[in-house]
Amino acid sequence: MGLIQVLKPNLHNIPLFILLAFISVGGVIQTYACIDDADILPKPPLYDILKPFNLWFPWLYLTAPIQISSLILNLRWISGIFPELSPGFKLPLGSILYSYVTSAWSIYIYRRYISTNKRILKIFIIISIGFGCIFSPVISLPFITIDRELITFTLSGFLLITLITLIYLFSIYGLYKLLRNYLAEKPR
């Protein structure tokens, strides 16, 4: 199966792409929380609506590979050419493109290798839930508060971190399987 087939939009990868793109745009909007006391920049659109959700850290976690790669390859200047979401906040076009490629790749890997291997799927789900608990301590939540906003913030962070970890595990497993198949087919 070629790259075009992997990247081809379908009913499986489009919903995941929409969610990942939402995380990217929401994460950029929530960056305003780091400077909202300074009154330097106007509040981005949708900031108040998205405030109860934990999108900023999941966005950083989702885009860590492209952030690190762009630092290593000295490509941070590219974000300067992106259009503004609001004054001082760039539309995360790189993150959105990355979200599409990631969603298409992870769905392809799931359907090709993981959907038939329930054991590896269970292991990946357990690992992902563990990461979700570590980075968004949802287990202690009922004992701490009954504040709806805090519960929404914590649970959204937990669910998104769990999902992103699952996507990373699928992607890494897919790279492993493709490399293993390539090396097995390569003549010695």
N, C-alpha and C. Protein backbone atom coordinates (compact mmCIF):
# COMPACT_ATOMS: atom_id res chain seq x y z
N MET A 1 0.85 -1.17 0.00
CA MET A 1 0.00 0.00 0.00
C MET A 1 0.89 1.24 0.00
N GLY A 2 0.61 2.16 -0.90
CA GLY A 2 1.44 3.33 -1.05
C GLY A 2 1.06 4.46 -0.10
N LEU A 3 1.90 5.46 -0.11
CA LEU A 3 1.71 6.63 0.76
C LEU A 3 0.38 7.33 0.48
N ILE A 4 0.00 7.39 -0.79
CA ILE A 4 -1.26 8.04 -1.16
C ILE A 4 -2.44 7.32 -0.50
N GLN A 5 -2.41 6.00 -0.47
CA GLN A 5 -3.49 5.24 0.15
C GLN A 5 -3.54 5.48 1.66
N VAL A 6 -2.37 5.61 2.28
CA VAL A 6 -2.33 5.86 3.73
C VAL A 6 -2.92 7.23 4.04
N LEU A 7 -2.58 8.23 3.23
CA LEU A 7 -3.01 9.61 3.49
C LEU A 7 -4.39 9.94 2.94
N LYS A 8 -4.99 9.03 2.21
CA LYS A 8 -6.30 9.28 1.61
C LYS A 8 -7.36 9.46 2.70
N PRO A 9 -8.14 10.56 2.63
CA PRO A 9 -9.18 10.79 3.64
C PRO A 9 -10.23 9.67 3.61
N ASN A 10 -10.69 9.28 4.79
CA ASN A 10 -11.75 8.29 4.88
C ASN A 10 -12.53 8.51 6.18
N LEU A 11 -13.58 7.74 6.34
CA LEU A 11 -14.45 7.92 7.51
C LEU A 11 -13.78 7.53 8.82
N HIS A 12 -12.63 6.88 8.74
CA HIS A 12 -11.92 6.47 9.95
C HIS A 12 -10.94 7.54 10.43
N ASN A 13 -10.20 8.15 9.49
CA ASN A 13 -9.18 9.09 9.94
C ASN A 13 -9.67 10.54 10.03
N ILE A 14 -10.75 10.89 9.36
CA ILE A 14 -11.23 12.28 9.42
C ILE A 14 -11.71 12.67 10.82
N PRO A 15 -12.51 11.85 11.53
CA PRO A 15 -12.89 12.26 12.90
C PRO A 15 -11.69 12.43 13.84
N LEU A 16 -10.70 11.55 13.72
CA LEU A 16 -9.50 11.69 14.54
C LEU A 16 -8.74 12.95 14.17
N PHE A 17 -8.65 13.24 12.88
CA PHE A 17 -7.99 14.47 12.44
C PHE A 17 -8.70 15.70 13.00
N ILE A 18 -10.02 15.71 12.96
CA ILE A 18 -10.78 16.86 13.48
C ILE A 18 -10.47 17.07 14.96
N LEU A 19 -10.43 15.98 15.73
CA LEU A 19 -10.12 16.09 17.15
C LEU A 19 -8.69 16.60 17.37
N LEU A 20 -7.72 16.07 16.63
CA LEU A 20 -6.33 16.51 16.80
C LEU A 20 -6.15 17.96 16.35
N ALA A 21 -6.81 18.36 15.27
CA ALA A 21 -6.74 19.75 14.82
C ALA A 21 -7.38 20.67 15.86
N PHE A 22 -8.47 20.23 16.47
CA PHE A 22 -9.12 20.99 17.54
C PHE A 22 -8.16 21.18 18.72
N ILE A 23 -7.45 20.12 19.08
CA ILE A 23 -6.45 20.22 20.16
C ILE A 23 -5.40 21.25 19.79
N SER A 24 -4.94 21.23 18.53
CA SER A 24 -3.90 22.17 18.10
C SER A 24 -4.37 23.62 18.17
N VAL A 25 -5.54 23.89 17.63
CA VAL A 25 -6.05 25.27 17.65
C VAL A 25 -6.39 25.68 19.09
N GLY A 26 -7.03 24.78 19.83
CA GLY A 26 -7.36 25.08 21.23
C GLY A 26 -6.12 25.29 22.09
N GLY A 27 -5.07 24.53 21.82
CA GLY A 27 -3.82 24.69 22.56
C GLY A 27 -3.20 26.05 22.34
N VAL A 28 -3.22 26.51 21.08
CA VAL A 28 -2.69 27.84 20.78
C VAL A 28 -3.53 28.91 21.48
N ILE A 29 -4.83 28.75 21.43
CA ILE A 29 -5.72 29.72 22.10
C ILE A 29 -5.46 29.74 23.60
N GLN A 30 -5.26 28.57 24.20
CA GLN A 30 -5.03 28.51 25.65
C GLN A 30 -3.65 29.01 26.05
N THR A 31 -2.77 29.23 25.09
CA THR A 31 -1.47 29.83 25.40
C THR A 31 -1.67 31.21 26.02
N TYR A 32 -2.78 31.83 25.71
CA TYR A 32 -3.10 33.14 26.27
C TYR A 32 -3.12 33.11 27.79
N ALA A 33 -3.43 31.97 28.39
CA ALA A 33 -3.47 31.87 29.85
C ALA A 33 -2.12 32.20 30.47
N CYS A 34 -1.04 32.00 29.72
CA CYS A 34 0.30 32.30 30.23
C CYS A 34 0.55 33.80 30.32
N ILE A 35 -0.22 34.59 29.57
CA ILE A 35 0.02 36.04 29.55
C ILE A 35 -1.23 36.85 29.85
N ASP A 36 -2.32 36.23 30.27
CA ASP A 36 -3.59 36.96 30.42
C ASP A 36 -3.55 38.04 31.49
N ASP A 37 -2.63 37.97 32.42
CA ASP A 37 -2.52 39.00 33.45
C ASP A 37 -1.81 40.25 32.94
N ALA A 38 -1.07 40.12 31.86
CA ALA A 38 -0.25 41.23 31.38
C ALA A 38 -1.05 42.25 30.57
N ASP A 39 -2.21 41.91 30.05
CA ASP A 39 -3.02 42.80 29.21
C ASP A 39 -2.23 43.35 28.02
N ILE A 40 -1.28 42.58 27.52
CA ILE A 40 -0.47 42.99 26.38
C ILE A 40 -1.23 42.73 25.08
N LEU A 41 -1.85 41.57 25.01
CA LEU A 41 -2.55 41.15 23.80
C LEU A 41 -4.03 40.96 24.09
N PRO A 42 -4.86 41.20 23.08
CA PRO A 42 -6.29 40.92 23.29
C PRO A 42 -6.54 39.42 23.41
N LYS A 43 -7.60 39.10 24.11
CA LYS A 43 -7.97 37.70 24.31
C LYS A 43 -8.33 37.08 22.96
N PRO A 44 -7.77 35.89 22.65
CA PRO A 44 -8.11 35.23 21.38
C PRO A 44 -9.57 34.79 21.35
N PRO A 45 -10.12 34.63 20.14
CA PRO A 45 -11.51 34.15 20.06
C PRO A 45 -11.63 32.76 20.67
N LEU A 46 -12.75 32.48 21.26
CA LEU A 46 -13.08 31.19 21.88
C LEU A 46 -12.31 30.90 23.17
N TYR A 47 -11.50 31.83 23.65
CA TYR A 47 -10.70 31.56 24.85
C TYR A 47 -11.59 31.20 26.04
N ASP A 48 -12.62 32.00 26.27
CA ASP A 48 -13.49 31.75 27.43
C ASP A 48 -14.27 30.45 27.29
N ILE A 49 -14.64 30.10 26.07
CA ILE A 49 -15.38 28.85 25.85
C ILE A 49 -14.48 27.64 26.09
N LEU A 50 -13.21 27.74 25.68
CA LEU A 50 -12.28 26.61 25.81
C LEU A 50 -11.59 26.53 27.16
N LYS A 51 -11.73 27.56 27.97
CA LYS A 51 -11.01 27.63 29.25
C LYS A 51 -11.25 26.42 30.16
N PRO A 52 -12.47 25.85 30.24
CA PRO A 52 -12.67 24.70 31.14
C PRO A 52 -11.96 23.42 30.69
N PHE A 53 -11.48 23.37 29.47
CA PHE A 53 -10.86 22.15 28.95
C PHE A 53 -9.34 22.24 29.00
N ASN A 54 -8.71 21.12 29.22
CA ASN A 54 -7.25 21.05 29.23
C ASN A 54 -6.79 20.72 27.82
N LEU A 55 -6.47 21.75 27.04
CA LEU A 55 -6.00 21.56 25.67
C LEU A 55 -4.54 21.94 25.50
N TRP A 56 -4.04 22.82 26.35
CA TRP A 56 -2.68 23.33 26.16
C TRP A 56 -1.64 22.23 26.33
N PHE A 57 -1.66 21.52 27.45
CA PHE A 57 -0.66 20.47 27.65
C PHE A 57 -0.82 19.34 26.64
N PRO A 58 -2.04 18.85 26.35
CA PRO A 58 -2.16 17.84 25.30
C PRO A 58 -1.65 18.33 23.94
N TRP A 59 -1.83 19.63 23.64
CA TRP A 59 -1.30 20.17 22.39
C TRP A 59 0.24 20.10 22.38
N LEU A 60 0.86 20.48 23.50
CA LEU A 60 2.32 20.38 23.57
C LEU A 60 2.78 18.94 23.43
N TYR A 61 2.09 18.03 24.07
CA TYR A 61 2.40 16.60 24.02
C TYR A 61 2.22 16.06 22.60
N LEU A 62 1.13 16.48 21.94
CA LEU A 62 0.87 16.04 20.57
C LEU A 62 1.93 16.54 19.60
N THR A 63 2.31 17.79 19.74
CA THR A 63 3.22 18.39 18.77
C THR A 63 4.69 18.32 19.17
N ALA A 64 5.00 17.64 20.25
CA ALA A 64 6.39 17.55 20.70
C ALA A 64 7.33 17.06 19.59
N PRO A 65 6.99 16.04 18.82
CA PRO A 65 7.91 15.61 17.75
C PRO A 65 8.20 16.70 16.72
N ILE A 66 7.18 17.47 16.32
CA ILE A 66 7.48 18.51 15.33
C ILE A 66 8.15 19.71 15.97
N GLN A 67 7.85 19.98 17.23
CA GLN A 67 8.53 21.08 17.92
C GLN A 67 10.02 20.78 18.07
N ILE A 68 10.33 19.57 18.50
CA ILE A 68 11.73 19.17 18.68
C ILE A 68 12.45 19.13 17.34
N SER A 69 11.80 18.56 16.32
CA SER A 69 12.41 18.49 14.99
C SER A 69 12.67 19.88 14.43
N SER A 70 11.72 20.79 14.60
CA SER A 70 11.92 22.13 14.06
C SER A 70 13.03 22.88 14.80
N LEU A 71 13.22 22.59 16.08
CA LEU A 71 14.35 23.19 16.80
C LEU A 71 15.68 22.63 16.30
N ILE A 72 15.74 21.31 16.15
CA ILE A 72 16.97 20.67 15.69
C ILE A 72 17.33 21.13 14.28
N LEU A 73 16.34 21.22 13.40
CA LEU A 73 16.57 21.60 12.01
C LEU A 73 16.52 23.11 11.78
N ASN A 74 16.38 23.87 12.86
CA ASN A 74 16.32 25.33 12.79
C ASN A 74 15.22 25.82 11.84
N LEU A 75 14.02 25.27 12.02
CA LEU A 75 12.88 25.62 11.17
C LEU A 75 11.81 26.42 11.91
N ARG A 76 12.13 26.96 13.07
CA ARG A 76 11.13 27.71 13.85
C ARG A 76 10.63 28.95 13.10
N TRP A 77 11.43 29.47 12.18
CA TRP A 77 11.05 30.66 11.43
C TRP A 77 9.81 30.43 10.56
N ILE A 78 9.54 29.17 10.22
CA ILE A 78 8.40 28.87 9.34
C ILE A 78 7.09 29.33 9.98
N SER A 79 6.98 29.20 11.29
CA SER A 79 5.72 29.61 11.94
C SER A 79 5.47 31.11 11.78
N GLY A 80 6.51 31.87 11.50
CA GLY A 80 6.35 33.31 11.29
C GLY A 80 5.55 33.66 10.05
N ILE A 81 5.50 32.74 9.08
CA ILE A 81 4.76 33.02 7.85
C ILE A 81 3.29 32.58 7.94
N PHE A 82 2.91 31.92 9.02
CA PHE A 82 1.53 31.47 9.18
C PHE A 82 0.63 32.66 9.48
N PRO A 83 -0.63 32.60 9.04
CA PRO A 83 -1.56 33.70 9.35
C PRO A 83 -1.89 33.75 10.84
N GLU A 84 -2.32 34.92 11.29
CA GLU A 84 -2.65 35.07 12.71
C GLU A 84 -4.06 34.58 13.00
N LEU A 85 -4.18 33.90 14.13
CA LEU A 85 -5.48 33.49 14.65
C LEU A 85 -6.15 34.69 15.31
N SER A 86 -5.35 35.45 16.01
CA SER A 86 -5.72 36.75 16.58
C SER A 86 -4.39 37.46 16.83
N PRO A 87 -4.38 38.74 17.14
CA PRO A 87 -3.10 39.43 17.32
C PRO A 87 -2.19 38.70 18.32
N GLY A 88 -1.01 38.33 17.86
CA GLY A 88 -0.03 37.66 18.70
C GLY A 88 -0.12 36.15 18.72
N PHE A 89 -1.12 35.58 18.06
CA PHE A 89 -1.30 34.12 18.06
C PHE A 89 -1.41 33.62 16.63
N LYS A 90 -0.45 32.81 16.23
CA LYS A 90 -0.43 32.27 14.87
C LYS A 90 -1.33 31.04 14.75
N LEU A 91 -1.97 30.91 13.61
CA LEU A 91 -2.75 29.71 13.32
C LEU A 91 -1.76 28.55 13.20
N PRO A 92 -1.96 27.47 13.92
CA PRO A 92 -0.97 26.38 13.94
C PRO A 92 -1.08 25.46 12.71
N LEU A 93 -0.76 26.01 11.53
CA LEU A 93 -0.89 25.22 10.30
C LEU A 93 0.01 24.00 10.31
N GLY A 94 1.21 24.13 10.85
CA GLY A 94 2.11 22.97 10.95
C GLY A 94 1.51 21.89 11.84
N SER A 95 0.92 22.29 12.95
CA SER A 95 0.29 21.33 13.86
C SER A 95 -0.92 20.67 13.21
N ILE A 96 -1.67 21.44 12.43
CA ILE A 96 -2.85 20.90 11.77
C ILE A 96 -2.45 19.89 10.69
N LEU A 97 -1.43 20.23 9.91
CA LEU A 97 -0.93 19.28 8.90
C LEU A 97 -0.39 18.02 9.58
N TYR A 98 0.37 18.21 10.64
CA TYR A 98 0.89 17.08 11.41
C TYR A 98 -0.26 16.23 11.97
N SER A 99 -1.33 16.88 12.41
CA SER A 99 -2.50 16.17 12.93
C SER A 99 -3.12 15.27 11.86
N TYR A 100 -3.17 15.77 10.64
CA TYR A 100 -3.75 14.95 9.56
C TYR A 100 -2.87 13.73 9.27
N VAL A 101 -1.58 13.97 9.10
CA VAL A 101 -0.66 12.86 8.80
C VAL A 101 -0.67 11.85 9.94
N THR A 102 -0.65 12.33 11.17
CA THR A 102 -0.67 11.44 12.33
C THR A 102 -1.96 10.63 12.40
N SER A 103 -3.09 11.26 12.15
CA SER A 103 -4.36 10.53 12.20
C SER A 103 -4.43 9.49 11.10
N ALA A 104 -4.02 9.85 9.89
CA ALA A 104 -4.06 8.89 8.78
C ALA A 104 -3.13 7.71 9.05
N TRP A 105 -1.92 8.01 9.52
CA TRP A 105 -0.93 6.96 9.79
C TRP A 105 -1.40 6.03 10.91
N SER A 106 -1.88 6.60 12.02
CA SER A 106 -2.26 5.75 13.16
C SER A 106 -3.49 4.89 12.83
N ILE A 107 -4.43 5.42 12.07
CA ILE A 107 -5.59 4.61 11.66
C ILE A 107 -5.15 3.50 10.72
N TYR A 108 -4.25 3.82 9.80
CA TYR A 108 -3.73 2.80 8.89
C TYR A 108 -3.04 1.68 9.68
N ILE A 109 -2.20 2.04 10.62
CA ILE A 109 -1.48 1.05 11.43
C ILE A 109 -2.45 0.24 12.27
N TYR A 110 -3.43 0.91 12.84
CA TYR A 110 -4.43 0.18 13.64
C TYR A 110 -5.13 -0.87 12.77
N ARG A 111 -5.59 -0.46 11.63
CA ARG A 111 -6.34 -1.38 10.77
C ARG A 111 -5.45 -2.48 10.20
N ARG A 112 -4.20 -2.18 9.93
CA ARG A 112 -3.31 -3.16 9.30
C ARG A 112 -2.71 -4.14 10.30
N TYR A 113 -2.27 -3.65 11.46
CA TYR A 113 -1.52 -4.50 12.39
C TYR A 113 -2.19 -4.74 13.75
N ILE A 114 -2.89 -3.76 14.25
CA ILE A 114 -3.31 -3.82 15.65
C ILE A 114 -4.72 -4.38 15.83
N SER A 115 -5.62 -4.12 14.90
CA SER A 115 -7.00 -4.57 15.07
C SER A 115 -7.11 -6.09 15.16
N THR A 116 -6.17 -6.80 14.58
CA THR A 116 -6.18 -8.26 14.64
C THR A 116 -5.37 -8.81 15.81
N ASN A 117 -4.66 -7.95 16.51
CA ASN A 117 -3.82 -8.37 17.62
C ASN A 117 -4.36 -7.76 18.92
N LYS A 118 -5.36 -8.40 19.50
CA LYS A 118 -6.03 -7.86 20.69
C LYS A 118 -5.09 -7.75 21.89
N ARG A 119 -4.11 -8.62 21.97
CA ARG A 119 -3.16 -8.59 23.09
C ARG A 119 -2.35 -7.29 23.06
N ILE A 120 -1.81 -6.94 21.90
CA ILE A 120 -1.00 -5.72 21.81
C ILE A 120 -1.90 -4.50 22.01
N LEU A 121 -3.15 -4.56 21.55
CA LEU A 121 -4.07 -3.45 21.76
C LEU A 121 -4.33 -3.24 23.25
N LYS A 122 -4.55 -4.31 23.99
CA LYS A 122 -4.77 -4.20 25.44
C LYS A 122 -3.55 -3.61 26.14
N ILE A 123 -2.37 -4.05 25.75
CA ILE A 123 -1.13 -3.52 26.34
C ILE A 123 -1.02 -2.02 26.06
N PHE A 124 -1.28 -1.62 24.82
CA PHE A 124 -1.20 -0.21 24.46
C PHE A 124 -2.23 0.62 25.22
N ILE A 125 -3.42 0.09 25.41
CA ILE A 125 -4.46 0.82 26.15
C ILE A 125 -4.05 1.00 27.61
N ILE A 126 -3.51 -0.04 28.21
CA ILE A 126 -3.07 0.04 29.61
C ILE A 126 -1.94 1.07 29.76
N ILE A 127 -0.97 1.03 28.86
CA ILE A 127 0.13 2.01 28.90
C ILE A 127 -0.41 3.42 28.73
N SER A 128 -1.33 3.60 27.80
CA SER A 128 -1.90 4.92 27.53
C SER A 128 -2.68 5.45 28.73
N ILE A 129 -3.45 4.60 29.37
CA ILE A 129 -4.18 5.02 30.57
C ILE A 129 -3.20 5.40 31.67
N GLY A 130 -2.10 4.66 31.78
CA GLY A 130 -1.06 4.99 32.76
C GLY A 130 -0.49 6.38 32.51
N PHE A 131 -0.17 6.69 31.24
CA PHE A 131 0.33 8.02 30.91
C PHE A 131 -0.72 9.09 31.21
N GLY A 132 -1.99 8.78 30.90
CA GLY A 132 -3.06 9.73 31.20
C GLY A 132 -3.16 10.02 32.68
N CYS A 133 -3.00 8.99 33.51
CA CYS A 133 -3.04 9.17 34.97
C CYS A 133 -1.84 9.95 35.48
N ILE A 134 -0.68 9.72 34.90
CA ILE A 134 0.53 10.42 35.34
C ILE A 134 0.46 11.90 35.00
N PHE A 135 0.06 12.22 33.77
CA PHE A 135 0.07 13.61 33.33
C PHE A 135 -1.21 14.37 33.63
N SER A 136 -2.24 13.69 34.08
CA SER A 136 -3.49 14.33 34.47
C SER A 136 -4.09 13.48 35.58
N PRO A 137 -3.64 13.66 36.81
CA PRO A 137 -3.97 12.73 37.90
C PRO A 137 -5.46 12.65 38.20
N VAL A 138 -6.17 11.90 37.39
CA VAL A 138 -7.62 11.78 37.48
C VAL A 138 -8.06 10.89 38.64
N ILE A 139 -7.21 10.01 39.11
CA ILE A 139 -7.57 9.05 40.15
C ILE A 139 -7.90 9.77 41.46
N SER A 140 -7.17 10.81 41.80
CA SER A 140 -7.40 11.51 43.06
C SER A 140 -8.51 12.54 42.97
N LEU A 141 -9.06 12.76 41.81
CA LEU A 141 -10.05 13.81 41.60
C LEU A 141 -11.28 13.73 42.50
N PRO A 142 -11.94 12.58 42.65
CA PRO A 142 -13.15 12.56 43.49
C PRO A 142 -12.90 12.94 44.95
N PHE A 143 -11.69 12.75 45.42
CA PHE A 143 -11.38 13.05 46.81
C PHE A 143 -11.01 14.51 47.02
N ILE A 144 -10.70 15.21 45.96
CA ILE A 144 -10.22 16.58 46.08
C ILE A 144 -11.35 17.60 45.97
N THR A 145 -12.22 17.43 44.97
CA THR A 145 -13.18 18.50 44.70
C THR A 145 -14.45 17.97 44.04
N ILE A 146 -15.47 18.80 44.11
CA ILE A 146 -16.67 18.55 43.33
C ILE A 146 -16.91 19.72 42.37
N ASP A 147 -15.88 20.53 42.17
CA ASP A 147 -15.94 21.66 41.26
C ASP A 147 -16.03 21.15 39.82
N ARG A 148 -17.13 21.45 39.14
CA ARG A 148 -17.35 20.96 37.78
C ARG A 148 -16.27 21.40 36.81
N GLU A 149 -15.81 22.63 36.95
CA GLU A 149 -14.80 23.13 36.03
C GLU A 149 -13.48 22.37 36.18
N LEU A 150 -13.08 22.10 37.41
CA LEU A 150 -11.85 21.34 37.65
C LEU A 150 -11.99 19.90 37.17
N ILE A 151 -13.16 19.31 37.39
CA ILE A 151 -13.40 17.94 36.92
C ILE A 151 -13.32 17.90 35.39
N THR A 152 -13.95 18.86 34.72
CA THR A 152 -13.91 18.93 33.26
C THR A 152 -12.48 19.09 32.77
N PHE A 153 -11.73 19.98 33.41
CA PHE A 153 -10.34 20.23 33.03
C PHE A 153 -9.51 18.96 33.18
N THR A 154 -9.64 18.29 34.32
CA THR A 154 -8.84 17.10 34.61
C THR A 154 -9.22 15.94 33.70
N LEU A 155 -10.51 15.69 33.54
CA LEU A 155 -10.94 14.57 32.70
C LEU A 155 -10.60 14.79 31.23
N SER A 156 -10.75 16.02 30.74
CA SER A 156 -10.39 16.29 29.34
C SER A 156 -8.90 16.07 29.13
N GLY A 157 -8.08 16.52 30.08
CA GLY A 157 -6.64 16.29 29.98
C GLY A 157 -6.31 14.81 30.00
N PHE A 158 -6.95 14.07 30.90
CA PHE A 158 -6.73 12.63 30.99
C PHE A 158 -7.09 11.93 29.68
N LEU A 159 -8.26 12.21 29.16
CA LEU A 159 -8.71 11.55 27.93
C LEU A 159 -7.83 11.90 26.73
N LEU A 160 -7.45 13.16 26.62
CA LEU A 160 -6.63 13.57 25.47
C LEU A 160 -5.21 13.02 25.56
N ILE A 161 -4.61 13.05 26.75
CA ILE A 161 -3.27 12.48 26.91
C ILE A 161 -3.30 10.98 26.65
N THR A 162 -4.34 10.30 27.13
CA THR A 162 -4.48 8.86 26.88
C THR A 162 -4.59 8.59 25.39
N LEU A 163 -5.41 9.36 24.68
CA LEU A 163 -5.57 9.18 23.23
C LEU A 163 -4.27 9.45 22.48
N ILE A 164 -3.60 10.54 22.82
CA ILE A 164 -2.36 10.89 22.12
C ILE A 164 -1.29 9.84 22.38
N THR A 165 -1.20 9.32 23.59
CA THR A 165 -0.25 8.25 23.89
C THR A 165 -0.57 7.02 23.06
N LEU A 166 -1.84 6.69 22.94
CA LEU A 166 -2.25 5.54 22.13
C LEU A 166 -1.85 5.75 20.67
N ILE A 167 -2.02 6.96 20.16
CA ILE A 167 -1.61 7.28 18.79
C ILE A 167 -0.11 7.11 18.63
N TYR A 168 0.67 7.60 19.60
CA TYR A 168 2.12 7.44 19.54
C TYR A 168 2.52 5.97 19.55
N LEU A 169 1.88 5.19 20.41
CA LEU A 169 2.21 3.76 20.47
C LEU A 169 1.87 3.06 19.16
N PHE A 170 0.72 3.39 18.57
CA PHE A 170 0.37 2.82 17.26
C PHE A 170 1.42 3.20 16.23
N SER A 171 1.82 4.46 16.22
CA SER A 171 2.78 4.94 15.22
C SER A 171 4.14 4.27 15.37
N ILE A 172 4.63 4.18 16.59
CA ILE A 172 5.93 3.53 16.82
C ILE A 172 5.85 2.05 16.46
N TYR A 173 4.77 1.40 16.84
CA TYR A 173 4.59 -0.01 16.51
C TYR A 173 4.53 -0.20 14.99
N GLY A 174 3.86 0.70 14.31
CA GLY A 174 3.79 0.64 12.85
C GLY A 174 5.15 0.80 12.20
N LEU A 175 5.94 1.74 12.70
CA LEU A 175 7.30 1.90 12.17
C LEU A 175 8.13 0.65 12.41
N TYR A 176 7.99 0.07 13.59
CA TYR A 176 8.69 -1.18 13.91
C TYR A 176 8.29 -2.28 12.93
N LYS A 177 6.99 -2.45 12.71
CA LYS A 177 6.50 -3.52 11.82
C LYS A 177 6.97 -3.30 10.38
N LEU A 178 6.91 -2.07 9.91
CA LEU A 178 7.36 -1.78 8.55
C LEU A 178 8.85 -2.02 8.39
N LEU A 179 9.63 -1.58 9.36
CA LEU A 179 11.08 -1.80 9.30
C LEU A 179 11.39 -3.29 9.38
N ARG A 180 10.71 -4.00 10.24
CA ARG A 180 10.92 -5.44 10.36
C ARG A 180 10.56 -6.17 9.05
N ASN A 181 9.45 -5.80 8.44
CA ASN A 181 9.06 -6.40 7.17
C ASN A 181 10.04 -6.06 6.06
N TYR A 182 10.53 -4.83 6.06
CA TYR A 182 11.49 -4.41 5.05
C TYR A 182 12.79 -5.20 5.19
N LEU A 183 13.28 -5.34 6.41
CA LEU A 183 14.52 -6.07 6.62
C LEU A 183 14.35 -7.56 6.33
N ALA A 184 13.18 -8.11 6.56
CA ALA A 184 12.93 -9.53 6.28
C ALA A 184 12.89 -9.79 4.78
N GLU A 185 12.43 -8.81 4.00
CA GLU A 185 12.34 -8.97 2.55
C GLU A 185 13.65 -8.64 1.84
N LYS A 186 14.52 -7.90 2.48
CA LYS A 186 15.77 -7.46 1.87
C LYS A 186 16.69 -8.66 1.67
N PRO A 187 17.18 -8.86 0.42
CA PRO A 187 18.10 -9.99 0.19
C PRO A 187 19.43 -9.75 0.90
N ARG A 188 20.00 -10.85 1.35
CA ARG A 188 21.28 -10.74 2.09
C ARG A 188 22.44 -10.98 1.20
